[in-house]
Amino acid sequence: MTRSYGKGANLLIIENVPVVVCPNCGESYLTAETLHEIERIKLHRKNLAKLKSVAVAEFVDA
């Protein structure tokens, strides 16, 4: 799964986040270990993240 954190210049996108899916309802969950790793990535984003350009579209209500 891909998750995004922040917005604008502070946007961080983390790809390939592992999730646990409930076999009964299909709801997705993050384990405590995964949440700790996400926090570690966010804290060290300057060393771990690669800059990439992302296409952005704006919703315009017609």
N, C-alpha and C. Protein backbone atom coordinates (compact mmCIF):
# COMPACT_ATOMS: atom_id res chain seq x y z
N MET A 1 0.84 -1.16 0.00
CA MET A 1 0.00 0.00 0.00
C MET A 1 0.89 1.24 0.00
N THR A 2 0.41 2.29 -0.58
CA THR A 2 1.11 3.57 -0.58
C THR A 2 0.40 4.51 0.37
N ARG A 3 1.15 5.18 1.24
CA ARG A 3 0.56 6.11 2.21
C ARG A 3 1.22 7.47 2.03
N SER A 4 0.44 8.53 2.23
CA SER A 4 1.00 9.88 2.16
C SER A 4 0.83 10.57 3.50
N TYR A 5 1.81 11.41 3.83
CA TYR A 5 1.83 12.14 5.09
C TYR A 5 2.19 13.58 4.81
N GLY A 6 1.50 14.51 5.45
CA GLY A 6 1.77 15.92 5.26
C GLY A 6 1.12 16.44 3.99
N LYS A 7 1.50 17.67 3.62
CA LYS A 7 0.98 18.28 2.39
C LYS A 7 1.94 19.34 1.90
N GLY A 8 1.75 19.74 0.66
CA GLY A 8 2.60 20.78 0.08
C GLY A 8 4.05 20.38 0.07
N ALA A 9 4.92 21.30 0.46
CA ALA A 9 6.36 21.05 0.47
C ALA A 9 6.76 19.98 1.48
N ASN A 10 5.88 19.70 2.45
CA ASN A 10 6.16 18.70 3.48
C ASN A 10 5.57 17.33 3.16
N LEU A 11 5.05 17.15 1.97
CA LEU A 11 4.44 15.88 1.58
C LEU A 11 5.50 14.78 1.53
N LEU A 12 5.18 13.65 2.16
CA LEU A 12 6.03 12.47 2.11
C LEU A 12 5.15 11.30 1.70
N ILE A 13 5.54 10.58 0.68
CA ILE A 13 4.82 9.41 0.22
C ILE A 13 5.69 8.19 0.52
N ILE A 14 5.12 7.23 1.21
CA ILE A 14 5.83 5.99 1.53
C ILE A 14 5.18 4.86 0.76
N GLU A 15 5.96 4.22 -0.08
CA GLU A 15 5.46 3.14 -0.93
C GLU A 15 5.72 1.79 -0.28
N ASN A 16 4.93 0.80 -0.70
CA ASN A 16 5.09 -0.60 -0.27
C ASN A 16 4.95 -0.79 1.23
N VAL A 17 4.03 -0.06 1.85
CA VAL A 17 3.76 -0.23 3.28
C VAL A 17 2.97 -1.53 3.45
N PRO A 18 3.47 -2.45 4.28
CA PRO A 18 2.75 -3.71 4.46
C PRO A 18 1.50 -3.51 5.31
N VAL A 19 0.41 -4.15 4.90
CA VAL A 19 -0.84 -4.08 5.66
C VAL A 19 -1.35 -5.49 5.94
N VAL A 20 -2.15 -5.59 6.98
CA VAL A 20 -2.84 -6.83 7.32
C VAL A 20 -4.29 -6.62 6.94
N VAL A 21 -4.86 -7.55 6.17
CA VAL A 21 -6.25 -7.41 5.72
C VAL A 21 -7.11 -8.44 6.44
N CYS A 22 -8.19 -7.96 7.03
CA CYS A 22 -9.13 -8.83 7.73
C CYS A 22 -9.83 -9.73 6.71
N PRO A 23 -9.79 -11.04 6.89
CA PRO A 23 -10.43 -11.95 5.93
C PRO A 23 -11.96 -11.87 5.97
N ASN A 24 -12.52 -11.33 7.05
CA ASN A 24 -13.99 -11.26 7.17
C ASN A 24 -14.57 -9.99 6.56
N CYS A 25 -13.97 -8.84 6.87
CA CYS A 25 -14.56 -7.58 6.40
C CYS A 25 -13.74 -6.87 5.34
N GLY A 26 -12.47 -7.28 5.15
CA GLY A 26 -11.63 -6.65 4.14
C GLY A 26 -10.94 -5.37 4.60
N GLU A 27 -11.16 -4.99 5.85
CA GLU A 27 -10.52 -3.79 6.40
C GLU A 27 -9.00 -3.98 6.47
N SER A 28 -8.25 -2.91 6.16
CA SER A 28 -6.79 -2.96 6.20
C SER A 28 -6.28 -2.37 7.51
N TYR A 29 -5.25 -2.99 8.07
CA TYR A 29 -4.67 -2.54 9.32
C TYR A 29 -3.15 -2.48 9.21
N LEU A 30 -2.55 -1.57 9.98
CA LEU A 30 -1.10 -1.49 10.09
C LEU A 30 -0.71 -2.07 11.44
N THR A 31 0.35 -2.88 11.47
CA THR A 31 0.82 -3.43 12.74
C THR A 31 1.59 -2.35 13.50
N ALA A 32 1.79 -2.59 14.79
CA ALA A 32 2.57 -1.66 15.62
C ALA A 32 3.99 -1.53 15.06
N GLU A 33 4.55 -2.64 14.62
CA GLU A 33 5.91 -2.61 14.05
C GLU A 33 5.96 -1.73 12.81
N THR A 34 4.94 -1.84 11.96
CA THR A 34 4.88 -1.02 10.75
C THR A 34 4.73 0.45 11.11
N LEU A 35 3.89 0.76 12.08
CA LEU A 35 3.71 2.15 12.51
C LEU A 35 5.00 2.74 13.07
N HIS A 36 5.75 1.95 13.81
CA HIS A 36 7.05 2.42 14.32
C HIS A 36 8.03 2.68 13.17
N GLU A 37 8.02 1.82 12.17
CA GLU A 37 8.91 2.02 11.02
C GLU A 37 8.52 3.26 10.24
N ILE A 38 7.22 3.51 10.09
CA ILE A 38 6.75 4.72 9.41
C ILE A 38 7.25 5.95 10.16
N GLU A 39 7.15 5.94 11.48
CA GLU A 39 7.64 7.08 12.26
C GLU A 39 9.15 7.26 12.10
N ARG A 40 9.90 6.16 12.03
CA ARG A 40 11.34 6.23 11.82
C ARG A 40 11.64 6.85 10.46
N ILE A 41 10.90 6.42 9.43
CA ILE A 41 11.09 6.97 8.08
C ILE A 41 10.79 8.46 8.07
N LYS A 42 9.70 8.86 8.73
CA LYS A 42 9.34 10.27 8.79
C LYS A 42 10.41 11.10 9.49
N LEU A 43 10.98 10.57 10.57
CA LEU A 43 12.03 11.28 11.30
C LEU A 43 13.31 11.43 10.49
N HIS A 44 13.61 10.45 9.66
CA HIS A 44 14.86 10.44 8.89
C HIS A 44 14.62 10.64 7.40
N ARG A 45 13.54 11.33 7.06
CA ARG A 45 13.14 11.48 5.66
C ARG A 45 14.24 12.08 4.78
N LYS A 46 15.05 12.99 5.31
CA LYS A 46 16.10 13.62 4.49
C LYS A 46 17.14 12.61 4.03
N ASN A 47 17.38 11.58 4.83
CA ASN A 47 18.36 10.55 4.47
C ASN A 47 17.73 9.39 3.70
N LEU A 48 16.44 9.18 3.86
CA LEU A 48 15.80 8.00 3.28
C LEU A 48 14.99 8.27 2.02
N ALA A 49 14.46 9.47 1.89
CA ALA A 49 13.56 9.77 0.78
C ALA A 49 14.32 10.22 -0.46
N LYS A 50 13.75 9.87 -1.61
CA LYS A 50 14.27 10.33 -2.90
C LYS A 50 13.26 11.32 -3.47
N LEU A 51 13.76 12.42 -4.02
CA LEU A 51 12.86 13.38 -4.64
C LEU A 51 12.37 12.86 -5.98
N LYS A 52 11.06 12.90 -6.19
CA LYS A 52 10.44 12.49 -7.45
C LYS A 52 9.37 13.52 -7.78
N SER A 53 9.14 13.74 -9.06
CA SER A 53 8.05 14.63 -9.44
C SER A 53 6.75 13.83 -9.46
N VAL A 54 5.68 14.49 -9.05
CA VAL A 54 4.38 13.86 -8.96
C VAL A 54 3.36 14.72 -9.69
N ALA A 55 2.54 14.08 -10.51
CA ALA A 55 1.47 14.80 -11.20
C ALA A 55 0.39 15.15 -10.17
N VAL A 56 -0.08 16.41 -10.20
CA VAL A 56 -1.10 16.87 -9.28
C VAL A 56 -2.23 17.50 -10.08
N ALA A 57 -3.46 17.08 -9.81
CA ALA A 57 -4.63 17.66 -10.47
C ALA A 57 -5.51 18.30 -9.41
N GLU A 58 -6.22 19.32 -9.79
CA GLU A 58 -7.14 20.00 -8.88
C GLU A 58 -8.56 19.71 -9.30
N PHE A 59 -9.40 19.36 -8.35
CA PHE A 59 -10.81 19.12 -8.61
C PHE A 59 -11.51 20.47 -8.78
N VAL A 60 -12.20 20.64 -9.88
CA VAL A 60 -12.92 21.89 -10.14
C VAL A 60 -14.40 21.54 -10.25
N ASP A 61 -15.19 22.09 -9.34
CA ASP A 61 -16.63 21.83 -9.33
C ASP A 61 -17.28 22.65 -10.44
N ALA A 62 -17.86 21.95 -11.40
CA ALA A 62 -18.46 22.64 -12.56
C ALA A 62 -19.90 22.98 -12.35
